[in-house]
Amino acid sequence: MNDIKVAEILARYGLSTTKSLGQNFLKDSAVLQSIADAAEGDYILEIGAGIGSLTNLLCQKAKKAVTIEIDRSLEPLLSAQVAEENHRFIWQDVLKCDLQTLAREEFGGKCTVVGNLPYYITTEILLLLLKNIDCWDQAILMVQQEVAERLLAQSGKEYRAASVWMQGLCDGEILFDVPPHCFHPAPHVRSAVVRLKPKTEHPDPKGFIAFAQAAFAARRKMFASSAAVQGLLYTDKAGLCALLEQAGLPQNARAETFSPQEFALLFQLAQNLKDKF
């Protein structure tokens, strides 16, 4: 399959990519098709439109597709490129979007989320999705390769709070890597497409995320001595030691040694100590 002439199409409308918005548009037709093929479900929410190439592929398989796009300057181009009756644009910053209301009003329930996420706000978008995890049942997302590896890390230097809250709430996998030459303009890093599916049973997202972030505020110190976790749970070292004992974990353990599953167990036990986070 041939590359899409992204630069030529943008130039036709007097446009260019905007660095401040993290715009690196996919031009590789095979990669675009692979992303569309991975997106399952009748209702699709797309984050960022690019020049509409993926949007059109998603419309071909969905009953309804909605795209959130922040860059209003793309409207003339996208209006011409995407004219499917089962699609509409929402011209808004995704981070200011009420996903609960959108999913209810546009889809009447859950949707599949698809997006080539801007690198500079990847974490913020992931947190938005996870905090609204009941709105979607699958996400196919393009992220920086090292971010994908960090999200799915089980241990080691890449194991972070993000690894914990992602794996505690979702089952995830890397579908394939995408080299820089597949984009216009080419980024300086490799990318990867990941599939995320919310776990059938998962902790309260907002509370669990706060818990993981507090624990990793001092990841190399003893968990029971963490001032951040003590403050979050309104308890002291003795209280955290009791929590660890309930979970069958060593009282001198550090946060970075706990698996995402052990964090989820600790969080569930912690809810007995504190009603809300």
Protein backbone atom coordinates (compact mmCIF):
# COMPACT_ATOMS: atom_id res chain seq x y z
CA MET A 1 0.00 0.00 0.00
CA ASN A 2 1.26 3.48 -0.82
CA ASP A 3 1.93 6.26 1.65
CA ILE A 4 -0.70 8.96 1.92
CA LYS A 5 0.63 12.31 0.69
CA VAL A 6 -0.04 14.11 3.97
CA ALA A 7 2.16 17.14 3.24
CA GLU A 8 0.52 17.65 -0.16
CA ILE A 9 -2.99 17.40 1.26
CA LEU A 10 -2.19 19.87 4.04
CA ALA A 11 -0.59 22.28 1.56
CA ARG A 12 -3.69 22.17 -0.62
CA TYR A 13 -5.56 23.84 2.25
CA GLY A 14 -2.71 26.15 3.22
CA LEU A 15 -1.99 24.10 6.34
CA SER A 16 0.96 22.47 8.04
CA THR A 17 1.36 20.41 11.20
CA THR A 18 1.41 22.29 14.49
CA LYS A 19 4.31 21.34 16.76
CA SER A 20 2.66 22.77 19.88
CA LEU A 21 -0.22 20.32 19.42
CA GLY A 22 2.13 17.37 19.00
CA GLN A 23 0.88 16.69 15.48
CA ASN A 24 2.61 13.75 13.81
CA PHE A 25 0.11 12.42 11.28
CA LEU A 26 0.23 8.80 10.16
CA LYS A 27 0.87 8.43 6.45
CA ASP A 28 1.47 4.68 6.17
CA SER A 29 -1.68 3.10 4.73
CA ALA A 30 -0.84 -0.36 6.04
CA VAL A 31 -0.45 0.90 9.61
CA LEU A 32 -3.69 2.86 9.37
CA GLN A 33 -5.51 -0.25 8.17
CA SER A 34 -3.99 -2.37 10.95
CA ILE A 35 -5.24 0.09 13.57
CA ALA A 36 -8.72 0.10 12.04
CA ASP A 37 -8.74 -3.71 11.90
CA ALA A 38 -7.87 -3.89 15.61
CA ALA A 39 -10.79 -1.64 16.61
CA GLU A 40 -13.76 -3.83 17.50
CA GLY A 41 -17.29 -2.71 18.18
CA ASP A 42 -20.13 -0.77 16.58
CA TYR A 43 -19.42 2.55 18.29
CA ILE A 44 -16.05 4.24 18.00
CA LEU A 45 -14.68 7.37 19.65
CA GLU A 46 -11.59 8.68 17.89
CA ILE A 47 -9.16 11.02 19.63
CA GLY A 48 -7.57 13.30 17.03
CA ALA A 49 -8.39 13.14 13.33
CA GLY A 50 -5.11 13.81 11.56
CA ILE A 51 -6.21 14.39 7.98
CA GLY A 52 -9.12 11.95 8.31
CA SER A 53 -7.50 8.85 6.81
CA LEU A 54 -8.10 6.66 9.85
CA THR A 55 -11.46 8.31 10.47
CA ASN A 56 -12.75 7.08 7.12
CA LEU A 57 -11.54 3.54 7.80
CA LEU A 58 -13.29 3.54 11.17
CA CYS A 59 -16.51 4.80 9.62
CA GLN A 60 -16.49 1.86 7.21
CA LYS A 61 -16.76 -0.63 10.06
CA ALA A 62 -18.72 1.25 12.74
CA LYS A 63 -22.40 1.97 13.09
CA LYS A 64 -21.38 5.36 14.42
CA ALA A 65 -18.05 7.13 14.87
CA VAL A 66 -17.32 10.38 16.69
CA THR A 67 -14.00 12.23 16.50
CA ILE A 68 -12.76 14.72 19.10
CA GLU A 69 -10.40 17.19 17.45
CA ILE A 70 -8.86 20.26 19.04
CA ASP A 71 -7.43 21.90 15.89
CA ARG A 72 -10.26 23.88 14.30
CA SER A 73 -7.99 25.00 11.48
CA LEU A 74 -8.35 21.47 10.07
CA GLU A 75 -12.11 21.84 9.67
CA PRO A 76 -12.16 22.74 5.93
CA LEU A 77 -9.84 19.83 5.12
CA LEU A 78 -11.65 17.32 7.31
CA SER A 79 -15.09 18.38 6.13
CA ALA A 80 -13.96 17.52 2.61
CA GLN A 81 -12.06 14.36 3.53
CA VAL A 82 -14.68 12.88 5.86
CA ALA A 83 -18.26 13.03 4.66
CA GLU A 84 -19.71 9.84 6.12
CA GLU A 85 -23.29 9.99 7.41
CA ASN A 86 -22.44 7.85 10.41
CA HIS A 87 -19.79 10.27 11.68
CA ARG A 88 -19.54 13.62 13.41
CA PHE A 89 -16.78 15.85 14.73
CA ILE A 90 -16.61 17.39 18.20
CA TRP A 91 -14.24 20.37 18.06
CA GLN A 92 -12.88 20.33 21.58
CA ASP A 93 -9.84 19.62 23.73
CA VAL A 94 -10.26 15.97 24.73
CA LEU A 95 -8.94 16.77 28.22
CA LYS A 96 -11.92 19.09 28.72
CA CYS A 97 -14.40 16.56 27.40
CA ASP A 98 -17.08 14.99 29.60
CA LEU A 99 -16.68 11.39 28.48
CA GLN A 100 -19.58 10.16 30.58
CA THR A 101 -22.02 12.52 28.90
CA LEU A 102 -20.52 11.97 25.44
CA ALA A 103 -20.75 8.18 25.63
CA ARG A 104 -24.31 8.34 26.89
CA GLU A 105 -25.57 10.88 24.38
CA GLU A 106 -23.64 9.71 21.30
CA PHE A 107 -23.57 5.96 21.78
CA GLY A 108 -26.13 5.16 24.45
CA GLY A 109 -23.48 3.21 26.32
CA LYS A 110 -19.90 2.07 25.90
CA CYS A 111 -17.63 2.58 22.91
CA THR A 112 -14.24 1.64 21.51
CA VAL A 113 -11.62 4.39 21.82
CA VAL A 114 -9.06 4.83 19.04
CA GLY A 115 -6.33 7.43 18.87
CA ASN A 116 -2.82 8.45 17.87
CA LEU A 117 -2.08 10.25 21.13
CA PRO A 118 0.13 13.37 21.17
CA TYR A 119 3.25 12.41 23.08
CA TYR A 120 3.21 15.47 25.34
CA ILE A 121 -0.23 14.69 26.82
CA THR A 122 -0.28 10.90 26.60
CA THR A 123 -0.35 10.42 30.37
CA GLU A 124 -3.14 12.97 30.83
CA ILE A 125 -5.30 11.28 28.18
CA LEU A 126 -4.68 7.83 29.67
CA LEU A 127 -5.68 9.10 33.10
CA LEU A 128 -8.83 10.63 31.64
CA LEU A 129 -9.76 7.33 30.02
CA LEU A 130 -9.05 5.28 33.14
CA LYS A 131 -11.00 7.62 35.40
CA ASN A 132 -13.93 7.12 33.02
CA ILE A 133 -13.31 3.43 32.48
CA ASP A 134 -17.00 2.53 32.51
CA CYS A 135 -17.49 4.51 29.26
CA TRP A 136 -15.46 2.19 27.02
CA ASP A 137 -14.76 -1.49 26.59
CA GLN A 138 -11.61 -1.34 24.45
CA ALA A 139 -8.95 1.21 23.52
CA ILE A 140 -6.56 1.01 20.56
CA LEU A 141 -3.94 3.69 21.14
CA MET A 142 -0.73 4.81 19.49
CA VAL A 143 1.82 5.92 22.06
CA GLN A 144 5.57 6.33 22.29
CA GLN A 145 7.18 2.88 22.36
CA GLU A 146 8.93 3.42 25.68
CA VAL A 147 5.61 4.55 27.20
CA ALA A 148 3.94 1.35 25.97
CA GLU A 149 6.70 -0.73 27.54
CA ARG A 150 6.46 1.23 30.79
CA LEU A 151 2.68 0.77 31.00
CA LEU A 152 3.07 -3.00 30.73
CA ALA A 153 6.27 -3.39 32.80
CA GLN A 154 6.07 -5.87 35.67
CA SER A 155 9.34 -4.93 37.37
CA GLY A 156 12.66 -3.18 36.83
CA LYS A 157 13.57 0.43 36.13
CA GLU A 158 10.60 0.95 33.79
CA TYR A 159 8.15 -0.15 36.49
CA ARG A 160 6.33 2.99 37.64
CA ALA A 161 3.05 4.16 39.13
CA ALA A 162 1.68 4.21 35.58
CA SER A 163 2.51 0.49 35.26
CA VAL A 164 0.52 -0.19 38.41
CA TRP A 165 -2.58 1.83 37.67
CA MET A 166 -2.73 0.65 34.07
CA GLN A 167 -2.36 -3.05 34.85
CA GLY A 168 -4.49 -2.88 37.96
CA LEU A 169 -7.39 -1.55 35.90
CA CYS A 170 -6.81 -3.04 32.44
CA ASP A 171 -5.48 -6.00 30.54
CA GLY A 172 -3.05 -4.66 27.96
CA GLU A 173 -0.86 -5.78 25.10
CA ILE A 174 1.41 -4.23 22.50
CA LEU A 175 -0.03 -5.06 19.07
CA PHE A 176 2.83 -3.77 16.92
CA ASP A 177 5.58 -1.16 16.73
CA VAL A 178 5.55 1.76 14.31
CA PRO A 179 8.82 3.34 13.08
CA PRO A 180 9.24 7.12 12.65
CA HIS A 181 9.10 7.08 8.84
CA CYS A 182 5.41 6.14 9.00
CA PHE A 183 4.55 9.68 10.15
CA HIS A 184 4.58 13.22 8.79
CA PRO A 185 6.62 14.79 10.19
CA ALA A 186 8.72 11.89 11.42
CA PRO A 187 9.14 11.94 15.22
CA HIS A 188 12.50 11.24 16.84
CA VAL A 189 11.21 8.12 18.61
CA ARG A 190 9.50 4.85 17.74
CA SER A 191 5.84 4.36 18.51
CA ALA A 192 3.68 1.39 19.41
CA VAL A 193 0.01 0.53 19.15
CA VAL A 194 -1.46 -0.93 22.33
CA ARG A 195 -4.78 -2.59 23.05
CA LEU A 196 -6.34 -1.96 26.48
CA LYS A 197 -9.39 -3.72 27.87
CA PRO A 198 -10.86 -2.89 31.29
CA LYS A 199 -10.73 -5.79 33.71
CA THR A 200 -14.09 -7.40 34.46
CA GLU A 201 -13.50 -6.60 38.13
CA HIS A 202 -11.27 -3.69 38.97
CA PRO A 203 -10.67 -1.21 41.82
CA ASP A 204 -12.27 2.22 41.93
CA PRO A 205 -10.19 4.01 39.26
CA LYS A 206 -9.71 7.41 40.89
CA GLY A 207 -8.86 5.96 44.27
CA PHE A 208 -6.54 3.30 42.87
CA ILE A 209 -4.64 5.81 40.74
CA ALA A 210 -4.15 8.09 43.75
CA PHE A 211 -3.02 5.11 45.82
CA ALA A 212 -0.42 4.00 43.26
CA GLN A 213 0.91 7.52 42.79
CA ALA A 214 1.25 8.02 46.55
CA ALA A 215 3.07 4.69 46.96
CA PHE A 216 5.55 5.53 44.19
CA ALA A 217 6.26 9.00 45.57
CA ALA A 218 9.04 7.22 47.50
CA ARG A 219 9.26 3.94 45.63
CA ARG A 220 12.58 2.86 47.16
CA LYS A 221 11.57 3.47 50.76
CA MET A 222 9.61 1.11 52.95
CA PHE A 223 5.94 1.22 51.98
CA ALA A 224 4.86 1.32 55.62
CA SER A 225 6.98 4.45 56.18
CA SER A 226 5.50 6.35 53.22
CA ALA A 227 4.20 9.71 54.41
CA ALA A 228 2.20 10.08 51.18
CA VAL A 229 0.35 6.79 51.68
CA GLN A 230 -0.16 7.45 55.39
CA GLY A 231 -1.67 10.83 54.56
CA LEU A 232 -3.90 9.37 51.85
CA LEU A 233 -5.25 6.67 54.15
CA TYR A 234 -5.30 8.80 57.31
CA THR A 235 -3.24 6.20 59.13
CA ASP A 236 0.29 5.72 60.46
CA LYS A 237 3.14 3.24 60.06
CA ALA A 238 1.47 0.74 62.35
CA GLY A 239 -1.69 0.92 60.27
CA LEU A 240 0.23 0.25 57.06
CA CYS A 241 2.10 -2.62 58.71
CA ALA A 242 -1.25 -4.14 59.64
CA LEU A 243 -2.39 -3.69 56.04
CA LEU A 244 0.70 -5.48 54.74
CA GLU A 245 0.16 -8.31 57.22
CA GLN A 246 -3.42 -8.75 55.98
CA ALA A 247 -2.14 -8.95 52.42
CA GLY A 248 0.56 -11.46 53.34
CA LEU A 249 3.35 -9.07 52.32
CA PRO A 250 6.62 -8.29 54.17
CA GLN A 251 6.39 -5.29 56.46
CA ASN A 252 9.74 -3.96 55.28
CA ALA A 253 8.80 -4.19 51.58
CA ARG A 254 9.24 -1.26 49.19
CA ALA A 255 6.48 -0.09 46.86
CA GLU A 256 8.52 -0.92 43.76
CA THR A 257 8.55 -4.63 44.77
CA PHE A 258 4.76 -5.05 44.70
CA SER A 259 3.10 -6.40 41.56
CA PRO A 260 0.06 -4.58 40.15
CA GLN A 261 -2.08 -7.41 41.51
CA GLU A 262 -0.60 -6.95 45.00
CA PHE A 263 -1.27 -3.22 44.76
CA ALA A 264 -4.88 -3.97 43.85
CA LEU A 265 -5.17 -6.27 46.88
CA LEU A 266 -3.62 -3.64 49.17
CA PHE A 267 -6.01 -1.04 47.84
CA GLN A 268 -9.06 -3.22 48.42
CA LEU A 269 -7.93 -3.94 51.98
CA ALA A 270 -7.19 -0.24 52.50
CA GLN A 271 -10.78 0.64 51.69
CA ASN A 272 -11.72 -1.00 54.96
CA LEU A 273 -9.56 1.60 56.70
CA LYS A 274 -10.81 4.58 54.77
CA ASP A 275 -14.18 4.96 53.12
CA LYS A 276 -13.02 7.25 50.35
CA PHE A 277 -9.84 8.50 48.73
